[in-house]
C-alpha atoms as a PDB file:
ATOM      1  CA  MET A   1      37.838 -81.888 -51.256  1.00  0.00           C
ATOM      2  CA  GLN A   2      36.892 -82.587 -47.227  1.00  0.00           C
ATOM      3  CA  THR A   3      33.155 -80.768 -48.031  1.00  0.00           C
ATOM      4  CA  LEU A   4      32.887 -83.730 -50.498  1.00  0.00           C
ATOM      5  CA  ARG A   5      33.947 -86.724 -47.514  1.00  0.00           C
ATOM      6  CA  THR A   6      32.109 -84.906 -44.917  1.00  0.00           C
ATOM      7  CA  ARG A   7      28.905 -84.660 -47.540  1.00  0.00           C
ATOM      8  CA  ARG A   8      29.121 -88.528 -48.440  1.00  0.00           C
ATOM      9  CA  THR A   9      29.973 -89.291 -44.152  1.00  0.00           C
ATOM     10  CA  THR A  10      26.455 -87.740 -43.045  1.00  0.00           C
ATOM     11  CA  ASN A  11      24.163 -88.769 -45.992  1.00  0.00           C
ATOM     12  CA  ARG A  12      25.299 -92.412 -45.450  1.00  0.00           C
ATOM     13  CA  GLN A  13      24.693 -92.066 -41.628  1.00  0.00           C
ATOM     14  CA  ALA A  14      21.264 -90.210 -42.219  1.00  0.00           C
ATOM     15  CA  GLY A  15      18.892 -92.842 -43.675  1.00  0.00           C
ATOM     16  CA  PHE A  16      18.486 -96.639 -41.690  1.00  0.00           C
ATOM     17  CA  THR A  17      19.064-100.185 -43.186  1.00  0.00           C
ATOM     18  CA  LEU A  18      17.282-102.484 -44.271  1.00  0.00           C
ATOM     19  CA  ILE A  19      18.176-104.737 -41.372  1.00  0.00           C
ATOM     20  CA  GLU A  20      17.570-101.815 -38.470  1.00  0.00           C
ATOM     21  CA  LEU A  21      13.760-101.841 -40.565  1.00  0.00           C
ATOM     22  CA  LEU A  22      13.390-105.470 -40.589  1.00  0.00           C
ATOM     23  CA  VAL A  23      13.963-105.416 -36.689  1.00  0.00           C
ATOM     24  CA  VAL A  24      11.929-102.881 -35.533  1.00  0.00           C
ATOM     25  CA  MET A  25       9.063-104.398 -38.197  1.00  0.00           C
ATOM     26  CA  ALA A  26       9.500-107.505 -36.203  1.00  0.00           C
ATOM     27  CA  ILE A  27       9.130-105.891 -32.472  1.00  0.00           C
ATOM     28  CA  ILE A  28       5.841-104.401 -33.932  1.00  0.00           C
ATOM     29  CA  ALA A  29       4.546-107.648 -35.436  1.00  0.00           C
ATOM     30  CA  LEU A  30       5.520-109.047 -32.253  1.00  0.00           C
ATOM     31  CA  LEU A  31       3.805-106.331 -30.011  1.00  0.00           C
ATOM     32  CA  VAL A  32       0.609-107.139 -32.068  1.00  0.00           C
ATOM     33  CA  ALA A  33       0.833-110.533 -31.582  1.00  0.00           C
ATOM     34  CA  LEU A  34       0.584-109.915 -27.666  1.00  0.00           C
ATOM     35  CA  VAL A  35      -1.928-107.418 -27.490  1.00  0.00           C
ATOM     36  CA  ALA A  36      -4.413-108.137 -30.501  1.00  0.00           C
ATOM     37  CA  PRO A  37      -5.878-111.511 -28.499  1.00  0.00           C
ATOM     38  CA  ARG A  38      -6.631-108.580 -25.377  1.00  0.00           C
ATOM     39  CA  LEU A  39      -8.303-106.713 -27.749  1.00  0.00           C
ATOM     40  CA  PHE A  40     -10.662-108.270 -30.050  1.00  0.00           C
ATOM     41  CA  GLY A  41     -11.825-110.346 -26.413  1.00  0.00           C
ATOM     42  CA  GLN A  42     -12.604-107.012 -25.110  1.00  0.00           C
ATOM     43  CA  VAL A  43     -13.971-106.495 -28.555  1.00  0.00           C
ATOM     44  CA  ALA A  44     -16.629-109.472 -27.870  1.00  0.00           C
ATOM     45  CA  ALA A  45     -17.261-108.978 -23.496  1.00  0.00           C
ATOM     46  CA  SER A  46     -18.254-105.448 -24.945  1.00  0.00           C
ATOM     47  CA  GLU A  47     -21.357-106.672 -27.828  1.00  0.00           C
ATOM     48  CA  VAL A  48     -22.088-108.850 -25.298  1.00  0.00           C
ATOM     49  CA  LYS A  49     -22.586-106.136 -22.639  1.00  0.00           C
ATOM     50  CA  ALA A  50     -24.319-104.218 -25.006  1.00  0.00           C
ATOM     51  CA  ALA A  51     -26.996-106.070 -26.271  1.00  0.00           C
ATOM     52  CA  LYS A  52     -27.440-106.933 -22.355  1.00  0.00           C
ATOM     53  CA  THR A  53     -28.405-103.728 -22.329  1.00  0.00           C
ATOM     54  CA  GLN A  54     -30.425-102.738 -24.927  1.00  0.00           C
ATOM     55  CA  ILE A  55     -32.354-105.799 -24.157  1.00  0.00           C
ATOM     56  CA  GLU A  56     -33.231-103.895 -21.160  1.00  0.00           C
ATOM     57  CA  LEU A  57     -34.141-100.719 -22.466  1.00  0.00           C
ATOM     58  CA  LEU A  58     -36.523-103.047 -24.758  1.00  0.00           C
ATOM     59  CA  SER A  59     -38.295-104.542 -21.809  1.00  0.00           C
ATOM     60  CA  ARG A  60     -39.073-101.714 -20.516  1.00  0.00           C
ATOM     61  CA  ALA A  61     -40.533-100.067 -23.564  1.00  0.00           C
ATOM     62  CA  LEU A  62     -42.475-103.324 -23.489  1.00  0.00           C
ATOM     63  CA  ASP A  63     -43.316-102.780 -19.899  1.00  0.00           C
ATOM     64  CA  ALA A  64     -44.802 -99.223 -20.775  1.00  0.00           C
ATOM     65  CA  TYR A  65     -46.646-100.312 -23.475  1.00  0.00           C
ATOM     66  CA  ARG A  66     -48.494-103.274 -21.097  1.00  0.00           C
ATOM     67  CA  LEU A  67     -49.644-100.299 -18.922  1.00  0.00           C
ATOM     68  CA  ASP A  68     -50.632 -97.950 -21.693  1.00  0.00           C
ATOM     69  CA  ASN A  69     -52.346-100.783 -23.486  1.00  0.00           C
ATOM     70  CA  GLY A  70     -52.961-103.585 -20.873  1.00  0.00           C
ATOM     71  CA  ARG A  71     -51.178-106.138 -22.435  1.00  0.00           C
ATOM     72  CA  TYR A  72     -47.584-106.770 -24.280  1.00  0.00           C
ATOM     73  CA  PRO A  73     -48.204-106.610 -28.124  1.00  0.00           C
ATOM     74  CA  ALA A  74     -49.291-109.948 -29.347  1.00  0.00           C
ATOM     75  CA  GLN A  75     -46.820-112.535 -31.532  1.00  0.00           C
ATOM     76  CA  ASP A  76     -47.853-110.547 -34.893  1.00  0.00           C
ATOM     77  CA  GLU A  77     -47.270-106.492 -33.766  1.00  0.00           C
ATOM     78  CA  GLY A  78     -44.242-107.702 -32.277  1.00  0.00           C
ATOM     79  CA  LEU A  79     -42.028-104.731 -31.576  1.00  0.00           C
ATOM     80  CA  ASN A  80     -43.034-102.684 -34.392  1.00  0.00           C
ATOM     81  CA  ALA A  81     -45.837-102.286 -32.063  1.00  0.00           C
ATOM     82  CA  LEU A  82     -43.052 -99.640 -29.831  1.00  0.00           C
ATOM     83  CA  VAL A  83     -42.568 -97.094 -33.273  1.00  0.00           C
ATOM     84  CA  ALA A  84     -45.428 -98.174 -34.102  1.00  0.00           C
ATOM     85  CA  LYS A  85     -49.198 -98.085 -33.249  1.00  0.00           C
ATOM     86  CA  PRO A  86     -50.453-101.265 -34.044  1.00  0.00           C
ATOM     87  CA  PRO A  87     -54.715-101.473 -35.039  1.00  0.00           C
ATOM     88  CA  THR A  88     -55.620-103.627 -31.874  1.00  0.00           C
ATOM     89  CA  ALA A  89     -53.416-101.106 -29.649  1.00  0.00           C
ATOM     90  CA  THR A  90     -56.480 -99.030 -28.302  1.00  0.00           C
ATOM     91  CA  ASN A  91     -54.460 -96.829 -25.403  1.00  0.00           C
ATOM     92  CA  TRP A  92     -50.935 -96.353 -27.761  1.00  0.00           C
ATOM     93  CA  ASN A  93     -49.456 -93.225 -26.444  1.00  0.00           C
ATOM     94  CA  GLY A  94     -46.236 -94.032 -28.020  1.00  0.00           C
ATOM     95  CA  PRO A  95     -43.242 -95.201 -29.786  1.00  0.00           C
ATOM     96  CA  TYR A  96     -42.043 -96.047 -26.907  1.00  0.00           C
ATOM     97  CA  LEU A  97     -38.225 -95.799 -28.158  1.00  0.00           C
ATOM     98  CA  ALA A  98     -36.227 -92.678 -28.148  1.00  0.00           C
ATOM     99  CA  LYS A  99     -34.778 -92.797 -31.611  1.00  0.00           C
ATOM    100  CA  ARG A 100     -38.112 -94.407 -33.072  1.00  0.00           C
ATOM    101  CA  GLN A 101     -37.052 -97.303 -34.428  1.00  0.00           C
ATOM    102  CA  LEU A 102     -35.868-100.730 -33.524  1.00  0.00           C
ATOM    103  CA  PRO A 103     -32.235-100.999 -32.243  1.00  0.00           C
ATOM    104  CA  LYS A 104     -30.430-104.422 -33.994  1.00  0.00           C
ATOM    105  CA  ASP A 105     -28.190-106.406 -32.042  1.00  0.00           C
ATOM    106  CA  PRO A 106     -24.519-105.366 -31.552  1.00  0.00           C
ATOM    107  CA  TRP A 107     -23.681-107.847 -34.488  1.00  0.00           C
ATOM    108  CA  GLY A 108     -25.845-106.275 -36.814  1.00  0.00           C
ATOM    109  CA  GLY A 109     -28.937-108.701 -36.237  1.00  0.00           C
ATOM    110  CA  ASP A 110     -33.062-108.097 -35.331  1.00  0.00           C
ATOM    111  CA  TYR A 111     -34.118-109.527 -31.696  1.00  0.00           C
ATOM    112  CA  GLN A 112     -36.124-111.192 -31.236  1.00  0.00           C
ATOM    113  CA  TYR A 113     -39.836-111.207 -29.624  1.00  0.00           C
ATOM    114  CA  GLN A 114     -42.026-114.474 -28.860  1.00  0.00           C
ATOM    115  CA  ARG A 115     -45.466-114.313 -27.132  1.00  0.00           C
ATOM    116  CA  PRO A 116     -46.209-116.147 -25.106  1.00  0.00           C
ATOM    117  CA  ALA A 117     -42.500-117.295 -23.915  1.00  0.00           C
ATOM    118  CA  ASN A 118     -40.854-120.328 -24.905  1.00  0.00           C
ATOM    119  CA  LYS A 119     -37.284-119.682 -23.224  1.00  0.00           C
ATOM    120  CA  GLY A 120     -38.412-119.075 -19.567  1.00  0.00           C
ATOM    121  CA  GLY A 121     -39.040-115.012 -19.902  1.00  0.00           C
ATOM    122  CA  VAL A 122     -41.740-114.195 -17.508  1.00  0.00           C
ATOM    123  CA  ASP A 123     -44.587-112.642 -20.670  1.00  0.00           C
ATOM    124  CA  TYR A 124     -42.807-112.249 -23.219  1.00  0.00           C
ATOM    125  CA  ASP A 125     -39.222-113.552 -24.533  1.00  0.00           C
ATOM    126  CA  LEU A 126     -36.359-110.700 -25.906  1.00  0.00           C
ATOM    127  CA  PHE A 127     -33.505-111.936 -27.686  1.00  0.00           C
ATOM    128  CA  SER A 128     -30.910-111.507 -29.941  1.00  0.00           C
ATOM    129  CA  LEU A 129     -29.489-114.437 -31.782  1.00  0.00           C
ATOM    130  CA  GLY A 130     -25.587-113.767 -30.874  1.00  0.00           C
ATOM    131  CA  SER A 131     -22.928-113.214 -33.220  1.00  0.00           C
ATOM    132  CA  ASP A 132     -24.112-116.461 -35.418  1.00  0.00           C
ATOM    133  CA  GLY A 133     -27.272-115.392 -36.208  1.00  0.00           C
ATOM    134  CA  LYS A 134     -28.771-118.478 -35.082  1.00  0.00           C
ATOM    135  CA  PRO A 135     -30.474-120.545 -32.208  1.00  0.00           C
ATOM    136  CA  GLY A 136     -27.850-121.236 -28.949  1.00  0.00           C
ATOM    137  CA  GLY A 137     -24.006-121.564 -29.735  1.00  0.00           C
ATOM    138  CA  VAL A 138     -21.349-120.678 -26.790  1.00  0.00           C
ATOM    139  CA  GLY A 139     -19.371-117.180 -25.968  1.00  0.00           C
ATOM    140  CA  ASP A 140     -20.030-114.392 -28.005  1.00  0.00           C
ATOM    141  CA  ALA A 141     -22.290-116.483 -30.314  1.00  0.00           C
ATOM    142  CA  ALA A 142     -24.545-117.476 -27.644  1.00  0.00           C
ATOM    143  CA  ASP A 143     -28.475-115.786 -27.146  1.00  0.00           C
ATOM    144  CA  LEU A 144     -28.638-113.182 -25.100  1.00  0.00           C
ATOM    145  CA  GLY A 145     -32.440-112.166 -23.667  1.00  0.00           C
ATOM    146  CA  ASN A 146     -34.537-111.121 -20.920  1.00  0.00           C
ATOM    147  CA  TRP A 147     -34.789-115.170 -19.204  1.00  0.00           C
END
């Protein structure tokens, strides 16, 4: 009989009560509420840095294109001239991008190319429309470019 009482006591002490589980879940929720905004802020900042880096790499590829062909791609040729030879390029030595395809910006949009420059680039404007995919904006939704 004593063995049966010992087992019952041990079994009762082995598990967690509902109150204990709720307290642990509340602590985890508080930690997430405190840490999540900081983490999401870092993600947005890293996307902006990635876009700036890609714009710089695309600018270097455009400069290499210009050295070979004596001009930047025309507006209608666009950034595709970096991966596929346009009919008007006489000394095309591409593709000018290592992966042989145009990258998307960190938000999944296409990089915009305008020639002649309208927004402040020297010979061309190269930019991302930001997280909202629309011209203008503030924060991570702001346009990022070579200007």
